[in-house]
Protein backbone atom coordinates (compact mmCIF):
# COMPACT_ATOMS: atom_id res chain seq x y z
CA MET A 1 37.02 41.46 -17.44
CA LYS A 2 37.89 40.95 -13.77
CA LYS A 3 34.49 42.50 -12.73
CA SER A 4 32.73 40.16 -15.17
CA LEU A 5 34.39 37.09 -13.57
CA ILE A 6 33.59 38.25 -10.10
CA ALA A 7 29.90 38.84 -10.99
CA PHE A 8 29.85 35.42 -12.77
CA GLY A 9 31.32 33.79 -9.61
CA ALA A 10 28.86 35.54 -7.36
CA ALA A 11 25.97 34.27 -9.59
CA LEU A 12 27.29 30.69 -9.36
CA ALA A 13 27.58 30.92 -5.56
CA CYS A 14 23.95 32.20 -5.33
CA MET A 15 22.77 29.34 -7.50
CA GLY A 16 24.75 26.79 -5.31
CA ALA A 17 23.14 28.19 -2.19
CA ALA A 18 19.68 27.99 -3.66
CA GLN A 19 20.31 24.32 -4.79
CA ALA A 20 21.55 23.49 -1.27
CA GLN A 21 18.17 24.51 0.09
CA SER A 22 16.05 22.46 -2.29
CA ASN A 23 16.26 19.20 -4.19
CA VAL A 24 14.27 17.16 -6.66
CA GLN A 25 14.67 13.36 -7.18
CA LEU A 26 13.48 11.09 -9.87
CA SER A 27 12.89 7.51 -8.56
CA GLY A 28 10.89 4.38 -9.17
CA LEU A 29 10.74 0.65 -9.35
CA VAL A 30 10.33 -2.04 -12.13
CA ASP A 31 9.02 -5.36 -11.07
CA MET A 32 8.53 -8.26 -13.54
CA TYR A 33 7.57 -11.88 -13.01
CA ALA A 34 6.72 -15.00 -15.02
CA GLY A 35 4.34 -17.55 -13.73
CA SER A 36 1.41 -19.85 -13.84
CA MET A 37 -1.35 -18.10 -11.92
CA LYS A 38 -4.62 -19.43 -10.68
CA THR A 39 -6.59 -17.90 -7.72
CA ALA A 40 -9.88 -19.45 -6.45
CA GLY A 41 -12.83 -19.10 -8.88
CA ASN A 42 -10.59 -18.00 -11.79
CA GLU A 43 -9.07 -19.80 -14.79
CA ARG A 44 -5.40 -20.60 -14.92
CA SER A 45 -3.24 -18.17 -16.84
CA SER A 46 0.44 -18.45 -17.82
CA GLN A 47 1.82 -14.99 -18.01
CA VAL A 48 4.65 -12.45 -17.88
CA GLY A 49 3.23 -10.00 -15.43
CA SER A 50 4.14 -6.66 -13.80
CA GLY A 51 4.24 -6.17 -10.08
CA GLY A 52 4.95 -9.65 -8.57
CA MET A 53 6.27 -8.23 -5.27
CA THR A 54 5.68 -4.44 -5.80
CA THR A 55 3.52 -2.53 -8.23
CA SER A 56 5.83 -0.89 -10.78
CA TRP A 57 6.01 2.89 -10.52
CA TRP A 58 7.95 6.00 -11.26
CA GLY A 59 7.79 9.50 -9.82
CA MET A 60 9.40 12.74 -8.69
CA ASN A 61 9.68 14.23 -5.24
CA GLY A 62 11.38 17.15 -3.70
CA THR A 63 11.78 19.44 -0.70
CA GLU A 64 12.70 22.99 0.01
CA ASP A 65 14.11 24.15 3.24
CA LEU A 66 12.34 27.28 4.27
CA GLY A 67 14.37 27.94 7.33
CA ASN A 68 13.35 28.01 10.99
CA GLY A 69 12.67 24.31 10.87
CA LEU A 70 10.12 24.51 8.14
CA LYS A 71 10.12 22.46 4.90
CA VAL A 72 7.86 22.30 1.95
CA GLY A 73 7.75 19.06 -0.11
CA PHE A 74 5.95 17.63 -3.15
CA ALA A 75 5.43 14.16 -4.57
CA LEU A 76 4.09 13.04 -8.00
CA GLY A 77 4.04 9.24 -8.61
CA ALA A 78 2.55 7.13 -11.28
CA PHE A 79 1.96 3.32 -11.54
CA PHE A 80 2.51 1.48 -14.79
CA ARG A 81 2.34 -2.09 -16.16
CA ALA A 82 5.83 -2.96 -17.36
CA ASP A 83 4.75 -6.09 -19.18
CA THR A 84 2.88 -3.93 -21.79
CA GLY A 85 4.17 -0.47 -20.99
CA THR A 86 0.60 0.67 -20.12
CA PRO A 87 0.17 3.45 -17.57
CA GLY A 88 -1.87 2.77 -14.41
CA ARG A 89 -2.59 -0.29 -12.34
CA PHE A 90 -5.61 -0.99 -14.48
CA ASP A 91 -7.52 0.48 -17.38
CA GLY A 92 -8.94 3.82 -16.33
CA ASP A 93 -6.59 4.42 -13.33
CA THR A 94 -5.78 8.00 -12.80
CA PHE A 95 -2.20 8.99 -14.04
CA PHE A 96 -0.65 10.09 -10.77
CA ALA A 97 -2.49 7.44 -8.69
CA ARG A 98 0.41 6.79 -6.39
CA ASP A 99 1.10 10.36 -5.30
CA ALA A 100 0.02 13.88 -6.16
CA ASN A 101 0.48 16.21 -3.18
CA VAL A 102 2.25 19.05 -1.49
CA SER A 103 3.18 19.18 2.24
CA LEU A 104 4.47 21.54 4.94
CA SER A 105 6.47 20.01 7.75
CA GLY A 106 8.18 21.24 10.94
CA GLY A 107 8.33 20.69 14.70
CA PHE A 108 4.56 20.36 14.69
CA GLY A 109 4.64 17.31 12.33
CA SER A 110 3.48 17.64 8.77
CA VAL A 111 0.32 18.58 6.80
CA LYS A 112 -0.22 17.06 3.38
CA LEU A 113 -2.75 18.16 0.75
CA GLY A 114 -3.68 16.02 -2.34
CA ARG A 115 -3.66 12.36 -3.26
CA SER A 116 -1.60 10.13 -1.04
CA MET A 117 -1.63 6.84 0.90
CA ALA A 118 -4.78 5.72 2.53
CA PRO A 119 -4.73 5.03 6.20
CA ASN A 120 -5.00 1.24 5.76
CA PHE A 121 -1.92 1.07 3.41
CA LEU A 122 1.18 1.22 5.60
CA PRO A 123 -0.24 -0.83 8.47
CA THR A 124 -1.08 -3.52 5.90
CA ILE A 125 2.18 -3.67 3.95
CA LEU A 126 4.49 -3.17 6.97
CA PHE A 127 2.99 -6.04 8.88
CA ASN A 128 3.12 -8.93 6.54
CA PRO A 129 6.29 -10.55 5.02
CA PHE A 130 5.26 -10.03 1.47
CA GLY A 131 4.96 -6.23 1.78
CA ASP A 132 2.84 -4.49 -0.84
CA SER A 133 2.51 -7.43 -3.27
CA PHE A 134 -0.92 -7.50 -4.93
CA THR A 135 0.05 -10.76 -6.57
CA LEU A 136 1.51 -12.88 -3.73
CA SER A 137 0.65 -11.28 -0.31
CA PRO A 138 -2.28 -13.14 1.33
CA LEU A 139 -3.16 -10.12 3.64
CA VAL A 140 -2.92 -7.63 0.67
CA LEU A 141 -5.07 -9.77 -1.51
CA HIS A 142 -7.83 -10.19 1.14
CA ALA A 143 -7.66 -6.42 2.00
CA ASN A 144 -7.66 -5.02 -1.58
CA THR A 145 -9.06 -7.37 -4.16
CA PRO A 146 -12.65 -8.45 -4.82
CA TRP A 147 -13.61 -11.87 -3.47
CA PRO A 148 -13.72 -14.64 -6.12
CA THR A 149 -17.28 -15.65 -7.41
CA PHE A 150 -18.93 -13.15 -5.03
CA ALA A 151 -21.81 -11.17 -6.49
CA ASN A 152 -20.58 -8.14 -4.63
CA ASP A 153 -17.29 -6.52 -4.05
CA TYR A 154 -16.38 -7.51 -0.42
CA ARG A 155 -12.76 -6.48 -0.21
CA THR A 156 -11.66 -5.53 3.32
CA THR A 157 -10.39 -1.98 2.79
CA ALA A 158 -12.97 0.64 2.08
CA ALA A 159 -11.65 2.69 -0.85
CA ASP A 160 -8.29 1.90 -2.54
CA THR A 161 -4.81 2.14 -1.14
CA GLY A 162 -4.70 5.82 -1.87
CA TRP A 163 -7.21 8.59 -1.18
CA SER A 164 -7.69 11.75 -3.39
CA ASN A 165 -8.86 15.17 -2.20
CA GLN A 166 -7.22 14.41 1.12
CA ILE A 167 -5.77 16.30 4.05
CA THR A 168 -3.36 14.30 6.07
CA TYR A 169 -1.82 15.39 9.37
CA SER A 170 1.14 13.36 10.66
CA THR A 171 2.50 13.95 14.21
CA PRO A 172 6.08 14.20 15.10
CA ASP A 173 7.93 11.07 16.23
CA PHE A 174 7.34 10.34 19.92
CA GLY A 175 9.92 7.64 20.82
CA GLY A 176 9.07 5.58 17.74
CA LEU A 177 5.34 6.30 17.86
CA ARG A 178 3.66 8.26 15.06
CA ALA A 179 0.04 8.94 14.22
CA ASN A 180 -1.73 10.04 10.98
CA LEU A 181 -5.11 11.59 10.69
CA HIS A 182 -6.84 11.33 7.28
CA TYR A 183 -9.79 13.29 5.95
CA GLN A 184 -11.05 13.01 2.30
CA PHE A 185 -13.52 15.53 1.01
CA GLY A 186 -16.29 13.86 -1.05
CA GLU A 187 -16.68 16.86 -3.54
CA GLN A 188 -19.82 15.31 -5.00
CA ALA A 189 -22.71 17.43 -6.12
CA ASN A 190 -25.66 17.18 -3.62
CA ALA A 191 -23.58 14.95 -1.40
CA ASN A 192 -21.18 17.23 0.48
CA SER A 193 -21.69 15.45 3.70
CA LYS A 194 -20.07 12.30 2.15
CA LYS A 195 -16.55 11.87 3.26
CA ASN A 196 -13.73 9.45 4.25
CA ILE A 197 -12.28 9.84 7.74
CA ALA A 198 -9.61 7.71 9.43
CA ALA A 199 -6.57 7.42 11.68
CA ASN A 200 -3.64 5.09 12.02
CA LEU A 201 -0.90 4.54 14.54
CA ILE A 202 2.64 2.94 13.96
CA TYR A 203 5.12 2.23 16.70
CA ASN A 204 8.60 1.06 15.76
CA ASN A 205 11.29 0.96 18.40
CA GLY A 206 13.92 -1.88 18.36
CA PRO A 207 12.63 -5.36 17.48
CA LEU A 208 9.01 -4.57 18.38
CA ALA A 209 6.56 -2.87 16.00
CA LEU A 210 2.87 -2.33 16.50
CA THR A 211 0.13 -0.79 14.36
CA ALA A 212 -3.60 0.06 14.32
CA PHE A 213 -5.92 1.81 11.95
CA ILE A 214 -9.65 2.63 11.78
CA GLU A 215 -11.49 4.15 8.94
CA ARG A 216 -15.06 5.05 7.72
CA ALA A 217 -15.48 5.55 4.05
CA GLN A 218 -18.39 6.96 1.90
CA VAL A 219 -16.35 7.93 -1.15
CA THR A 220 -14.62 5.57 -3.65
CA ASN A 221 -11.13 5.97 -5.15
CA PRO A 222 -9.04 6.59 -7.13
CA THR A 223 -11.73 8.59 -8.96
CA PRO A 224 -13.96 9.83 -6.16
CA ALA A 225 -17.61 8.92 -6.27
CA GLN A 226 -20.30 8.34 -3.66
CA MET A 227 -20.31 4.74 -2.37
CA ALA A 228 -23.57 2.75 -2.48
CA PHE A 229 -23.05 1.87 1.07
CA PRO A 230 -20.65 3.18 3.80
CA LYS A 231 -17.88 0.89 4.83
CA GLN A 232 -16.17 0.70 8.29
CA ASN A 233 -12.85 -1.04 8.77
CA TRP A 234 -10.15 -1.55 11.47
CA MET A 235 -7.05 -3.66 12.04
CA LEU A 236 -4.51 -4.30 14.78
CA GLY A 237 -1.04 -5.71 13.95
CA GLY A 238 2.37 -6.43 15.42
CA SER A 239 5.74 -7.89 14.52
CA TYR A 240 8.84 -8.90 16.48
CA ASP A 241 12.31 -9.43 15.10
CA PHE A 242 14.20 -12.19 16.88
CA SER A 243 17.08 -11.90 14.46
CA ALA A 244 16.80 -15.52 13.53
CA VAL A 245 13.06 -15.10 12.56
CA LYS A 246 10.77 -12.13 12.28
CA LEU A 247 7.15 -12.82 13.18
CA TYR A 248 3.95 -10.94 12.01
CA ALA A 249 0.37 -11.12 13.08
CA THR A 250 -2.73 -8.97 12.28
CA TYR A 251 -6.48 -9.06 13.10
CA GLY A 252 -9.11 -6.83 11.58
CA GLN A 253 -12.83 -6.39 10.92
CA SER A 254 -14.85 -4.68 8.30
CA LYS A 255 -18.59 -3.92 7.99
CA LEU A 256 -20.53 -2.97 4.92
CA GLN A 257 -23.83 -1.29 5.74
CA ASP A 258 -25.76 -2.91 2.90
CA THR A 259 -28.81 -5.26 2.73
CA ASN A 260 -26.55 -8.30 3.26
CA ALA A 261 -25.30 -6.86 6.50
CA TYR A 262 -21.78 -8.06 5.47
CA GLU A 263 -19.20 -8.40 8.20
CA GLY A 264 -15.69 -9.77 7.53
CA LYS A 265 -13.08 -10.88 10.05
CA THR A 266 -9.51 -11.30 8.86
CA VAL A 267 -6.56 -12.88 10.63
CA SER A 268 -3.02 -13.18 9.26
CA LEU A 269 0.25 -14.70 10.30
CA GLY A 270 3.71 -14.52 8.71
CA MET A 271 7.35 -14.85 9.10
CA ASP A 272 10.67 -13.90 7.59
CA VAL A 273 13.58 -16.25 8.12
CA PRO A 274 17.09 -15.03 6.85
CA VAL A 275 18.83 -18.06 5.46
CA THR A 276 21.86 -16.28 3.86
CA LYS A 277 23.32 -12.75 4.23
CA ALA A 278 21.22 -11.78 1.06
CA GLY A 279 18.32 -14.27 1.18
CA THR A 280 15.14 -14.58 3.16
CA PHE A 281 12.61 -17.32 3.32
CA LYS A 282 8.97 -15.98 3.59
CA ALA A 283 5.72 -17.57 4.68
CA ALA A 284 2.30 -16.02 5.26
CA ILE A 285 -1.29 -17.07 5.65
CA ALA A 286 -4.53 -15.00 5.85
CA GLN A 287 -8.07 -16.11 6.48
CA THR A 288 -11.28 -14.01 6.14
CA LYS A 289 -14.64 -15.17 7.35
CA ALA A 290 -17.65 -13.31 5.85
CA GLU A 291 -20.87 -13.27 7.82
CA LEU A 292 -23.93 -12.34 5.69
CA ALA A 293 -27.55 -11.75 6.39
CA PRO A 294 -29.64 -14.63 7.74
CA GLY A 295 -30.69 -17.00 5.12
CA THR A 296 -27.41 -16.40 3.11
CA SER A 297 -24.52 -18.78 3.26
CA ASP A 298 -21.55 -17.41 4.98
CA ALA A 299 -18.22 -17.52 3.11
CA LYS A 300 -14.54 -18.13 3.95
CA ARG A 301 -11.35 -17.37 2.09
CA THR A 302 -7.90 -18.79 2.99
CA THR A 303 -4.71 -17.89 1.19
CA ALA A 304 -1.18 -19.04 1.93
CA THR A 305 2.15 -18.20 0.24
CA LEU A 306 5.77 -19.59 0.65
CA GLY A 307 8.54 -17.69 -0.97
CA TYR A 308 12.21 -16.81 -1.17
CA ASP A 309 13.69 -13.34 -1.82
CA HIS A 310 17.33 -12.91 -2.67
CA PHE A 311 19.08 -9.53 -3.06
CA LEU A 312 21.72 -9.29 -5.87
CA SER A 313 22.48 -5.75 -4.71
CA LYS A 314 20.93 -3.01 -2.54
CA ARG A 315 18.67 -2.08 -5.49
CA THR A 316 18.00 -5.42 -7.14
CA ASP A 317 16.39 -8.67 -5.83
CA VAL A 318 15.06 -11.92 -7.32
CA TYR A 319 12.20 -13.86 -5.82
CA SER A 320 10.11 -17.03 -6.25
CA ALA A 321 6.81 -18.05 -4.62
CA VAL A 322 4.10 -20.58 -4.50
CA MET A 323 0.63 -19.49 -3.42
CA TYR A 324 -2.53 -21.50 -2.63
CA ASP A 325 -5.94 -19.83 -2.54
CA LYS A 326 -9.28 -21.38 -1.44
CA PHE A 327 -12.72 -19.88 -1.34
CA THR A 328 -15.72 -21.60 0.23
CA GLN A 329 -19.47 -20.76 -0.10
CA ASN A 330 -21.94 -23.52 -1.05
CA GLY A 331 -18.99 -25.59 -2.32
CA SER A 332 -15.20 -24.83 -2.68
CA GLU A 333 -13.02 -23.24 -5.32
CA SER A 334 -9.27 -23.28 -5.09
CA GLY A 335 -6.16 -22.55 -7.11
CA THR A 336 -2.42 -22.64 -6.88
CA SER A 337 0.06 -20.07 -8.39
CA VAL A 338 3.77 -20.24 -9.04
CA ALA A 339 5.82 -17.15 -9.92
CA VAL A 340 9.52 -16.11 -10.25
CA GLY A 341 10.55 -12.53 -10.75
CA ILE A 342 12.98 -9.71 -10.57
CA ARG A 343 12.58 -6.28 -8.95
CA HIS A 344 14.86 -3.21 -9.48
CA ARG A 345 14.71 0.21 -7.81
CA PHE A 346 16.10 3.32 -9.41
């Protein structure tokens, strides 16, 4: 009996040691809002929607300590629409569109294989006061959604906020400076030379933060396919936290090598103003000017948002916002949206 207890105790100790070297976490976020929404060129819609400030998602991630400074990690993440319980950001979205990757990290930095963030994503969401909102952030809307009433899709970013079939190398932290190199294999029959390639830099040390990214894409996402025309895109951004107010600014350009010779130039400004210990006033504006081929009317889009975000706890906040969106090309289209919502992290 005593030997059995000793053996059982030794087994538990071994299990504890193994668990101490690895961990797996389940996490996610649910964001719901109600509002009256109208962007330029679209009809007004009263709705209960998902993802007012952040796209709702859930996922699993984990790490294992291999010793000698090496760690292996994995991440699986899926988006969903909480208003209907439907998986994905849109119909036909891949299931693990947020993350599906494995990585190895150490003193050299990290190497990640699989689907993960596109190079444009972090620089875009970290350098505007409305973060990763596809509903209310002017910069995110200009970068990632099709232009209203345009015959072609002239969003700024080249191919989604995540890239599939990707290798990403991230450098160690050099005094607040990190770089990421991205390469996406096309994996298309008879088009093996097609690929996405990019890099970004993010510097964050004290109140000052700076960023830059550049990318050239020939492959679409989330489901890889050869793009009709290559897209080139770059952006510079910065922010400074004065405590009483945090200011943001970005400038970027994009070129689509199509028959219209599209070139877009986007500038954005924003600010966060803490008004209580838990609440922040937010303001942002983005403007994109599209230059097209001779004989074709140029276009301009301007979007501005005012909002307030209040944290009820570390994991839960409520928010409200008013957004104005205007598009001009041979006449003007405009719309105003009003939304209130709640966001919970788990």
